[in-house]
Amino acid sequence: MTTIYIQNLKIMQSAAGGDVDRALSSIRARADHLRHTVARLEHNLAWNPASTWSKRTIFLYRHS
């Protein structure tokens, strides 16, 4: 499974607790969505590597 790292995340210290909670919730939801997308891409590549994805797409995916 591919691990997705969220880098350079900065939350302002002066933000209200609710804003921080909403921001973290949004980040977690996006990370979940990206994990699901990567899993789907891995599944599709495993079943049909040549005809579904261009060589450039496969290269970019594998080297990201």
Protein backbone atom coordinates (compact mmCIF):
# COMPACT_ATOMS: atom_id res chain seq x y z
CA MET A 1 0.00 0.00 0.00
CA THR A 2 1.24 3.46 -0.84
CA THR A 3 1.67 5.89 2.06
CA ILE A 4 0.55 9.46 1.50
CA TYR A 5 2.38 12.14 3.44
CA ILE A 6 0.92 15.58 4.06
CA GLN A 7 3.86 17.96 4.29
CA ASN A 8 4.18 21.55 5.41
CA LEU A 9 0.89 21.59 7.30
CA LYS A 10 0.66 24.72 9.40
CA ILE A 11 -2.24 25.63 11.62
CA MET A 12 -2.20 29.11 13.09
CA GLN A 13 -1.86 29.14 16.87
CA SER A 14 -4.42 31.91 17.16
CA ALA A 15 -7.15 29.93 15.38
CA ALA A 16 -10.19 29.03 17.45
CA GLY A 17 -10.55 25.39 18.53
CA GLY A 18 -13.48 24.88 16.17
CA ASP A 19 -11.47 26.12 13.20
CA VAL A 20 -8.63 23.75 14.03
CA ASP A 21 -11.03 20.83 14.43
CA ARG A 22 -12.65 21.61 11.08
CA ALA A 23 -9.27 21.93 9.39
CA LEU A 24 -8.05 18.62 10.81
CA SER A 25 -11.31 16.92 9.87
CA SER A 26 -11.00 18.23 6.32
CA ILE A 27 -7.39 17.06 6.07
CA ARG A 28 -8.30 13.60 7.37
CA ALA A 29 -11.18 13.34 4.89
CA ARG A 30 -8.90 14.35 2.01
CA ALA A 31 -6.25 11.83 3.10
CA ASP A 32 -8.91 9.08 3.25
CA HIS A 33 -10.09 10.04 -0.23
CA LEU A 34 -6.52 9.97 -1.58
CA ARG A 35 -5.84 6.57 0.02
CA HIS A 36 -9.00 5.22 -1.62
CA THR A 37 -8.01 6.70 -4.98
CA VAL A 38 -4.50 5.22 -4.80
CA ALA A 39 -5.90 1.80 -3.85
CA ARG A 40 -8.27 1.97 -6.84
CA LEU A 41 -5.40 2.94 -9.16
CA GLU A 42 -3.26 0.09 -7.83
CA HIS A 43 -6.14 -2.34 -8.39
CA ASN A 44 -6.77 -1.10 -11.93
CA LEU A 45 -3.07 -1.20 -12.81
CA ALA A 46 -2.78 -4.76 -11.49
CA TRP A 47 -5.68 -5.96 -13.66
CA ASN A 48 -5.09 -4.01 -16.84
CA PRO A 49 -1.70 -2.25 -16.87
CA ALA A 50 -1.23 -1.55 -20.58
CA SER A 51 -4.61 -0.69 -22.03
CA THR A 52 -6.12 1.37 -19.19
CA TRP A 53 -3.26 3.74 -18.42
CA SER A 54 -0.79 5.54 -20.65
CA LYS A 55 2.92 4.98 -20.07
CA ARG A 56 3.20 8.58 -18.82
CA THR A 57 0.41 8.08 -16.29
CA ILE A 58 2.01 4.88 -15.00
CA PHE A 59 5.41 6.61 -14.76
CA LEU A 60 3.99 9.60 -12.87
CA TYR A 61 2.00 7.34 -10.54
CA ARG A 62 4.94 5.07 -9.72
CA HIS A 63 7.35 7.95 -9.14
CA SER A 64 5.13 10.16 -7.01
